[in-house]
Amino acid sequence: MISVIVPTYREAENLPLLVEAVDAALSRDYEIIVIDDDSRDGSEEICAELATRFPVRIQTRKGERGLATAVIRGIEVSSGDIIVVMDADLSHPPSAIPHLLEPLLSGASDFVLGSRYVEGGSIHEHWTLPRKLNSVIASRLARPLCHLRDPMSGFFAFRRGDTPDLNRLSPVGYKIALEIFVKGDFASPSEVPIHFAPRLHGESKLSWKEQLGFLRHLGRLYGYKLRVGRRS
């Protein structure tokens, strides 16, 4: 069983397209868990209709927001042997999910990222220079923590049995993959190339507040690594 966890906030227009694309990509048993931050945009009704045709369910959180904590909730309520996390806006190609699963199923890797920055990966041509710089700088700041080319990727997969203790996680903002990797015990990570596409509908949730939250989060993770290093 594959659990595809999708954190959402006002992504109603993208949900039917995403669910249909995930279904087309997967030939094995799967479930889609949508964790919605009380969007009030019809997401619940859309998921109810989709659930008549696809294995999808939605949990709506009241009074709580944030991509990272939504992913943790999704892990808690999912039942698959393998966890896949992806955005709802179709910037992460559902067709790449089997490529993320292959190294996990073969035992070659225990944590797999969909990467924009390995050979064969790419970003869409309409990215502005400031956004490109923001992505590259953030990735380089985080790279000493995990030695991955695209540690800022929000498209990743791992085995449920390798999930770190969720009570040890203290996520801030929107970069939960980095948190899970740093606090997990992953010995053989890998990256597979993806094309990072523009969102189809809705607006980006990235803001200066989120970026400042990322810097705070990064500081916490460096502190964590230092503490762990001293104990070992």
Protein backbone atom coordinates (compact mmCIF):
# COMPACT_ATOMS: atom_id res chain seq x y z
CA MET A 1 0.00 0.00 0.00
CA ILE A 2 1.25 3.47 -0.93
CA SER A 3 0.03 6.47 1.07
CA VAL A 4 0.20 9.71 -0.90
CA ILE A 5 -0.04 12.64 1.52
CA VAL A 6 -1.13 15.97 0.10
CA PRO A 7 -1.25 19.06 2.36
CA THR A 8 -3.66 21.66 0.99
CA TYR A 9 -4.92 25.16 1.50
CA ARG A 10 -7.27 26.53 -1.15
CA GLU A 11 -6.33 23.99 -3.80
CA ALA A 12 -9.86 22.89 -4.74
CA GLU A 13 -9.40 23.43 -8.48
CA ASN A 14 -6.26 21.29 -8.57
CA LEU A 15 -7.58 18.32 -6.57
CA PRO A 16 -9.50 16.49 -9.35
CA LEU A 17 -6.56 16.82 -11.73
CA LEU A 18 -4.10 15.63 -9.08
CA VAL A 19 -6.15 12.62 -8.00
CA GLU A 20 -6.74 11.48 -11.57
CA ALA A 21 -3.04 11.85 -12.39
CA VAL A 22 -1.95 9.89 -9.30
CA ASP A 23 -4.40 7.12 -10.17
CA ALA A 24 -3.03 6.98 -13.72
CA ALA A 25 0.55 6.78 -12.41
CA LEU A 26 0.10 3.98 -9.88
CA SER A 27 -0.57 0.35 -10.70
CA ARG A 28 -0.50 -0.87 -7.08
CA ASP A 29 -2.77 -0.29 -4.09
CA TYR A 30 -2.68 3.27 -2.86
CA GLU A 31 -4.55 5.86 -0.84
CA ILE A 32 -4.50 9.64 -1.12
CA ILE A 33 -4.73 11.51 2.17
CA VAL A 34 -5.60 15.18 1.77
CA ILE A 35 -4.89 17.24 4.89
CA ASP A 36 -6.67 20.54 4.43
CA ASP A 37 -6.21 23.65 6.56
CA ASP A 38 -9.90 24.64 6.59
CA SER A 39 -9.82 26.12 3.08
CA ARG A 40 -13.60 26.56 2.84
CA ASP A 41 -13.27 26.53 -0.94
CA GLY A 42 -15.18 23.35 -1.72
CA SER A 43 -12.26 20.98 -1.12
CA GLU A 44 -14.30 18.76 1.19
CA GLU A 45 -17.14 18.42 -1.30
CA ILE A 46 -14.76 17.75 -4.17
CA CYS A 47 -12.95 15.03 -2.21
CA ALA A 48 -16.29 13.46 -1.25
CA GLU A 49 -17.18 13.18 -4.93
CA LEU A 50 -13.72 11.90 -5.86
CA ALA A 51 -13.98 9.28 -3.12
CA THR A 52 -16.79 7.60 -5.07
CA ARG A 53 -14.25 6.78 -7.79
CA PHE A 54 -10.81 6.86 -6.17
CA PRO A 55 -9.26 5.88 -2.79
CA VAL A 56 -9.05 9.44 -1.49
CA ARG A 57 -10.10 10.95 1.82
CA ILE A 58 -9.77 14.37 3.37
CA GLN A 59 -9.16 15.55 6.91
CA THR A 60 -9.90 19.19 7.61
CA ARG A 61 -7.93 20.83 10.39
CA LYS A 62 -9.65 23.58 12.33
CA GLY A 63 -7.56 26.34 13.89
CA GLU A 64 -4.26 24.94 12.68
CA ARG A 65 -2.26 25.75 9.56
CA GLY A 66 1.10 24.90 8.08
CA LEU A 67 2.36 22.48 5.46
CA ALA A 68 4.84 20.72 7.73
CA THR A 69 2.39 19.93 10.52
CA ALA A 70 -0.20 18.88 7.92
CA VAL A 71 2.24 16.29 6.56
CA ILE A 72 2.84 14.95 10.07
CA ARG A 73 -0.93 14.60 10.55
CA GLY A 74 -1.09 12.76 7.25
CA ILE A 75 1.59 10.30 8.36
CA GLU A 76 -0.33 9.69 11.58
CA VAL A 77 -3.63 8.88 9.87
CA SER A 78 -2.29 7.02 6.82
CA SER A 79 -1.90 3.26 6.60
CA GLY A 80 0.51 2.60 3.72
CA ASP A 81 3.84 0.80 3.96
CA ILE A 82 5.42 3.60 1.93
CA ILE A 83 4.77 7.32 2.41
CA VAL A 84 4.86 9.72 -0.53
CA VAL A 85 4.54 13.45 0.10
CA MET A 86 3.74 15.91 -2.69
CA ASP A 87 2.16 19.30 -3.31
CA ALA A 88 -1.39 19.67 -4.60
CA ASP A 89 -0.66 22.25 -7.27
CA LEU A 90 0.78 19.75 -9.82
CA SER A 91 4.23 21.35 -9.70
CA HIS A 92 5.35 17.85 -8.65
CA PRO A 93 4.59 15.45 -11.52
CA PRO A 94 2.46 12.48 -10.36
CA SER A 95 3.96 10.51 -13.25
CA ALA A 96 7.27 10.54 -11.33
CA ILE A 97 5.85 8.70 -8.29
CA PRO A 98 6.84 5.24 -9.64
CA HIS A 99 10.41 6.52 -10.07
CA LEU A 100 10.46 7.54 -6.40
CA LEU A 101 9.08 4.15 -5.38
CA GLU A 102 11.48 2.01 -7.38
CA PRO A 103 14.60 2.54 -5.18
CA LEU A 104 12.53 1.97 -2.03
CA LEU A 105 10.92 -1.22 -3.32
CA SER A 106 14.24 -2.63 -4.53
CA GLY A 107 15.99 -1.79 -1.26
CA ALA A 108 18.51 0.45 -2.99
CA SER A 109 17.43 3.53 -1.01
CA ASP A 110 15.57 4.35 2.17
CA PHE A 111 14.72 7.99 1.39
CA VAL A 112 14.07 9.29 -2.13
CA LEU A 113 13.72 12.91 -3.24
CA GLY A 114 12.22 14.19 -6.45
CA SER A 115 15.02 16.55 -7.41
CA ARG A 116 15.21 19.59 -9.66
CA TYR A 117 18.98 19.80 -9.40
CA VAL A 118 20.31 16.39 -10.38
CA GLU A 119 21.07 15.45 -13.98
CA GLY A 120 17.79 15.28 -15.88
CA GLY A 121 15.93 17.51 -13.42
CA SER A 122 14.65 20.97 -14.33
CA ILE A 123 12.48 23.89 -13.37
CA HIS A 124 9.99 25.63 -15.62
CA GLU A 125 11.27 28.46 -17.75
CA HIS A 126 9.00 31.12 -16.26
CA TRP A 127 10.68 31.16 -12.86
CA THR A 128 11.90 34.67 -12.09
CA LEU A 129 15.55 35.30 -11.24
CA PRO A 130 14.73 36.18 -7.58
CA ARG A 131 12.85 32.89 -7.17
CA LYS A 132 15.70 30.92 -8.72
CA LEU A 133 18.20 32.62 -6.41
CA ASN A 134 15.97 32.02 -3.41
CA SER A 135 15.79 28.30 -4.21
CA VAL A 136 19.51 27.90 -4.88
CA ILE A 137 20.58 29.82 -1.76
CA ALA A 138 18.14 27.93 0.48
CA SER A 139 19.36 24.61 -0.92
CA ARG A 140 23.01 25.49 -0.31
CA LEU A 141 22.28 26.62 3.23
CA ALA A 142 20.62 23.30 3.97
CA ARG A 143 22.98 21.01 2.08
CA PRO A 144 25.51 20.49 4.93
CA LEU A 145 22.67 18.95 6.93
CA CYS A 146 21.93 16.21 4.44
CA HIS A 147 24.32 16.24 1.43
CA LEU A 148 21.46 16.15 -1.06
CA ARG A 149 21.35 18.33 -4.17
CA ASP A 150 17.75 19.46 -3.63
CA PRO A 151 17.06 19.37 0.12
CA MET A 152 14.28 21.93 -0.36
CA SER A 153 12.21 19.50 -2.41
CA GLY A 154 8.70 18.89 -1.11
CA PHE A 155 8.33 15.71 -3.20
CA PHE A 156 9.75 12.69 -1.40
CA ALA A 157 9.12 9.13 -0.29
CA PHE A 158 10.26 6.79 2.49
CA ARG A 159 9.20 3.59 4.21
CA ARG A 160 6.85 3.86 7.15
CA GLY A 161 9.20 1.69 9.18
CA ASP A 162 11.92 4.32 8.79
CA THR A 163 9.78 7.21 10.01
CA PRO A 164 11.50 9.08 12.85
CA ASP A 165 9.64 9.41 16.12
CA LEU A 166 7.01 12.02 15.28
CA ASN A 167 7.19 13.36 18.83
CA ARG A 168 10.81 14.40 18.14
CA LEU A 169 9.85 16.52 15.15
CA SER A 170 9.49 20.25 15.62
CA PRO A 171 8.65 21.52 12.13
CA VAL A 172 8.44 25.18 11.25
CA GLY A 173 6.99 26.38 7.96
CA TYR A 174 7.00 24.33 4.81
CA LYS A 175 10.20 22.24 4.57
CA ILE A 176 9.24 19.01 6.28
CA ALA A 177 11.44 16.75 4.13
CA LEU A 178 14.56 18.29 5.64
CA GLU A 179 13.20 17.81 9.17
CA ILE A 180 12.32 14.16 8.57
CA PHE A 181 15.66 13.41 6.93
CA VAL A 182 17.81 15.10 9.57
CA LYS A 183 15.98 13.45 12.49
CA GLY A 184 15.56 10.09 10.81
CA ASP A 185 18.13 7.35 10.43
CA PHE A 186 18.48 7.19 6.67
CA ALA A 187 21.63 5.49 5.47
CA SER A 188 21.05 5.35 1.71
CA PRO A 189 19.19 8.39 0.38
CA SER A 190 18.87 9.05 -3.32
CA GLU A 191 17.41 11.60 -5.72
CA VAL A 192 15.50 11.08 -8.95
CA PRO A 193 15.13 13.87 -11.52
CA ILE A 194 11.83 15.69 -11.93
CA HIS A 195 10.62 18.66 -13.91
CA PHE A 196 9.21 21.24 -11.51
CA ALA A 197 6.20 22.68 -13.34
CA PRO A 198 4.22 25.89 -12.73
CA ARG A 199 1.09 25.52 -10.63
CA LEU A 200 -2.09 25.18 -12.68
CA HIS A 201 -4.58 26.98 -10.44
CA GLY A 202 -4.51 29.11 -7.31
CA GLU A 203 -1.74 31.15 -5.77
CA SER A 204 1.62 30.28 -4.26
CA LYS A 205 1.68 30.14 -0.45
CA LEU A 206 5.35 31.15 -0.27
CA SER A 207 5.78 34.44 1.57
CA TRP A 208 8.47 36.37 3.42
CA LYS A 209 6.98 35.04 6.66
CA GLU A 210 7.47 31.47 5.42
CA GLN A 211 11.04 32.22 4.37
CA LEU A 212 11.89 33.69 7.77
CA GLY A 213 10.33 30.61 9.34
CA PHE A 214 12.61 28.47 7.20
CA LEU A 215 15.69 30.30 8.51
CA ARG A 216 14.55 29.70 12.09
CA HIS A 217 13.93 26.08 11.25
CA LEU A 218 17.38 25.77 9.70
CA GLY A 219 18.95 27.17 12.86
CA ARG A 220 17.12 24.61 14.97
CA LEU A 221 18.26 21.74 12.76
CA TYR A 222 21.90 22.85 12.87
CA GLY A 223 21.60 23.02 16.65
CA TYR A 224 20.10 19.53 16.70
CA LYS A 225 22.95 18.13 14.58
CA LEU A 226 25.52 19.71 16.88
CA ARG A 227 23.88 18.19 19.96
CA VAL A 228 23.67 14.77 18.37
CA GLY A 229 27.31 15.00 17.24
CA ARG A 230 28.48 15.79 20.76
CA ARG A 231 26.65 12.77 22.19
CA SER A 232 28.01 10.35 19.58
